[in-house]
Amino acid sequence: MACTAPSCTRGLHDDLPRYLNQDLLLELWPVLRTLVGRTVRAVWEDAFPQLASRTRAAA
């Protein structure tokens, strides 16, 4: 059974909080965001607003 893009994406998005260490991600995001492209950075910061606010606080 094939997974359609919206349902696959939603599943991945729902899994992220389970598998990621939030405190570590927030701590490292100012550096990590410089290692990914603009599109990836924008997607992550749109999906997780605390990343964008963490970046503004570090600036």
N, C-alpha and C. Protein backbone atom coordinates (compact mmCIF):
# COMPACT_ATOMS: atom_id res chain seq x y z
N MET A 1 0.85 -1.19 0.00
CA MET A 1 0.00 0.00 0.00
C MET A 1 0.89 1.24 0.00
N ALA A 2 0.68 2.08 -0.97
CA ALA A 2 1.48 3.30 -1.09
C ALA A 2 0.99 4.35 -0.11
N CYS A 3 1.91 5.14 0.34
CA CYS A 3 1.59 6.23 1.26
C CYS A 3 1.53 7.53 0.47
N THR A 4 0.42 8.24 0.57
CA THR A 4 0.32 9.51 -0.14
C THR A 4 1.14 10.56 0.61
N ALA A 5 1.61 11.55 -0.10
CA ALA A 5 2.50 12.56 0.50
C ALA A 5 1.92 13.21 1.75
N PRO A 6 0.68 13.71 1.75
CA PRO A 6 0.17 14.35 2.98
C PRO A 6 0.12 13.40 4.18
N SER A 7 -0.31 12.16 3.96
CA SER A 7 -0.40 11.25 5.11
C SER A 7 0.98 10.82 5.58
N CYS A 8 1.93 10.63 4.67
CA CYS A 8 3.30 10.28 5.07
C CYS A 8 3.95 11.44 5.82
N THR A 9 3.79 12.63 5.29
CA THR A 9 4.37 13.81 5.91
C THR A 9 3.79 14.01 7.31
N ARG A 10 2.50 13.85 7.44
CA ARG A 10 1.86 14.02 8.75
C ARG A 10 2.39 13.00 9.74
N GLY A 11 2.56 11.78 9.30
CA GLY A 11 3.11 10.75 10.18
C GLY A 11 4.51 11.09 10.64
N LEU A 12 5.34 11.55 9.73
CA LEU A 12 6.70 11.94 10.09
C LEU A 12 6.69 13.10 11.07
N HIS A 13 5.84 14.08 10.81
CA HIS A 13 5.75 15.25 11.70
C HIS A 13 5.32 14.82 13.09
N ASP A 14 4.37 13.92 13.18
CA ASP A 14 3.90 13.44 14.48
C ASP A 14 4.97 12.63 15.21
N ASP A 15 5.86 11.97 14.46
CA ASP A 15 6.92 11.16 15.08
C ASP A 15 8.08 12.00 15.61
N LEU A 16 8.31 13.17 15.06
CA LEU A 16 9.48 13.95 15.43
C LEU A 16 9.57 14.22 16.93
N PRO A 17 8.53 14.69 17.59
CA PRO A 17 8.66 14.94 19.03
C PRO A 17 9.01 13.69 19.84
N ARG A 18 8.60 12.53 19.34
CA ARG A 18 8.89 11.28 20.06
C ARG A 18 10.36 10.91 19.97
N TYR A 19 11.01 11.21 18.86
CA TYR A 19 12.38 10.75 18.63
C TYR A 19 13.45 11.82 18.81
N LEU A 20 13.07 13.07 18.86
CA LEU A 20 14.05 14.14 19.00
C LEU A 20 14.16 14.60 20.45
N ASN A 21 15.33 14.97 20.85
CA ASN A 21 15.55 15.55 22.17
C ASN A 21 15.34 17.06 22.02
N GLN A 22 14.22 17.54 22.53
CA GLN A 22 13.83 18.94 22.33
C GLN A 22 14.88 19.91 22.87
N ASP A 23 15.36 19.67 24.07
CA ASP A 23 16.34 20.58 24.67
C ASP A 23 17.63 20.64 23.85
N LEU A 24 18.08 19.48 23.39
CA LEU A 24 19.30 19.44 22.59
C LEU A 24 19.10 20.12 21.24
N LEU A 25 17.95 19.87 20.61
CA LEU A 25 17.66 20.52 19.33
C LEU A 25 17.62 22.03 19.49
N LEU A 26 16.96 22.52 20.53
CA LEU A 26 16.89 23.97 20.76
C LEU A 26 18.28 24.55 21.01
N GLU A 27 19.10 23.83 21.74
CA GLU A 27 20.45 24.30 22.03
C GLU A 27 21.31 24.37 20.77
N LEU A 28 21.17 23.36 19.91
CA LEU A 28 22.03 23.27 18.72
C LEU A 28 21.46 23.95 17.48
N TRP A 29 20.18 24.33 17.50
CA TRP A 29 19.55 24.88 16.31
C TRP A 29 20.28 26.08 15.71
N PRO A 30 20.77 27.04 16.49
CA PRO A 30 21.48 28.16 15.85
C PRO A 30 22.64 27.72 14.95
N VAL A 31 23.29 26.62 15.29
CA VAL A 31 24.37 26.09 14.44
C VAL A 31 23.79 25.20 13.34
N LEU A 32 22.88 24.31 13.71
CA LEU A 32 22.31 23.39 12.72
C LEU A 32 21.64 24.12 11.57
N ARG A 33 20.98 25.23 11.86
CA ARG A 33 20.27 25.96 10.80
C ARG A 33 21.21 26.51 9.75
N THR A 34 22.48 26.68 10.11
CA THR A 34 23.46 27.17 9.14
C THR A 34 23.96 26.04 8.23
N LEU A 35 23.67 24.80 8.60
CA LEU A 35 24.16 23.65 7.85
C LEU A 35 23.15 23.10 6.86
N VAL A 36 21.92 23.63 6.89
CA VAL A 36 20.87 23.17 5.98
C VAL A 36 20.47 24.31 5.06
N GLY A 37 19.83 23.97 3.98
CA GLY A 37 19.39 24.99 3.03
C GLY A 37 18.22 25.81 3.57
N ARG A 38 17.96 26.90 2.89
CA ARG A 38 16.89 27.81 3.31
C ARG A 38 15.53 27.13 3.37
N THR A 39 15.25 26.27 2.40
CA THR A 39 13.95 25.61 2.37
C THR A 39 13.78 24.70 3.57
N VAL A 40 14.78 23.90 3.87
CA VAL A 40 14.72 23.00 5.03
C VAL A 40 14.59 23.81 6.30
N ARG A 41 15.38 24.84 6.43
CA ARG A 41 15.33 25.71 7.61
C ARG A 41 13.94 26.32 7.78
N ALA A 42 13.36 26.81 6.71
CA ALA A 42 12.04 27.43 6.77
C ALA A 42 10.97 26.41 7.16
N VAL A 43 11.06 25.21 6.60
CA VAL A 43 10.08 24.16 6.93
C VAL A 43 10.15 23.82 8.43
N TRP A 44 11.35 23.63 8.94
CA TRP A 44 11.50 23.29 10.36
C TRP A 44 11.05 24.43 11.25
N GLU A 45 11.41 25.66 10.91
CA GLU A 45 11.04 26.80 11.76
C GLU A 45 9.55 27.10 11.67
N ASP A 46 8.92 26.81 10.55
CA ASP A 46 7.46 26.95 10.45
C ASP A 46 6.76 25.87 11.25
N ALA A 47 7.28 24.66 11.21
CA ALA A 47 6.67 23.54 11.92
C ALA A 47 6.89 23.64 13.43
N PHE A 48 8.03 24.18 13.82
CA PHE A 48 8.39 24.28 15.24
C PHE A 48 8.81 25.72 15.55
N PRO A 49 7.84 26.60 15.82
CA PRO A 49 8.12 28.02 16.02
C PRO A 49 9.16 28.31 17.10
N GLN A 50 9.30 27.42 18.08
CA GLN A 50 10.29 27.66 19.12
C GLN A 50 11.72 27.65 18.58
N LEU A 51 11.94 26.99 17.43
CA LEU A 51 13.26 27.04 16.80
C LEU A 51 13.55 28.44 16.28
N ALA A 52 12.57 29.03 15.62
CA ALA A 52 12.76 30.38 15.09
C ALA A 52 12.96 31.38 16.23
N SER A 53 12.19 31.23 17.31
CA SER A 53 12.34 32.17 18.42
C SER A 53 13.68 31.97 19.11
N ARG A 54 14.17 30.75 19.15
CA ARG A 54 15.49 30.46 19.72
C ARG A 54 16.59 31.14 18.89
N THR A 55 16.42 31.13 17.59
CA THR A 55 17.39 31.76 16.70
C THR A 55 17.40 33.27 16.91
N ARG A 56 16.22 33.86 17.02
CA ARG A 56 16.16 35.32 17.25
C ARG A 56 16.78 35.68 18.59
N ALA A 57 16.58 34.85 19.61
CA ALA A 57 17.14 35.11 20.94
C ALA A 57 18.67 35.01 20.93
N ALA A 58 19.20 34.12 20.08
CA ALA A 58 20.65 33.94 20.02
C ALA A 58 21.34 35.05 19.22
N ALA A 59 20.57 35.75 18.38
CA ALA A 59 21.15 36.78 17.51
C ALA A 59 21.49 38.05 18.28
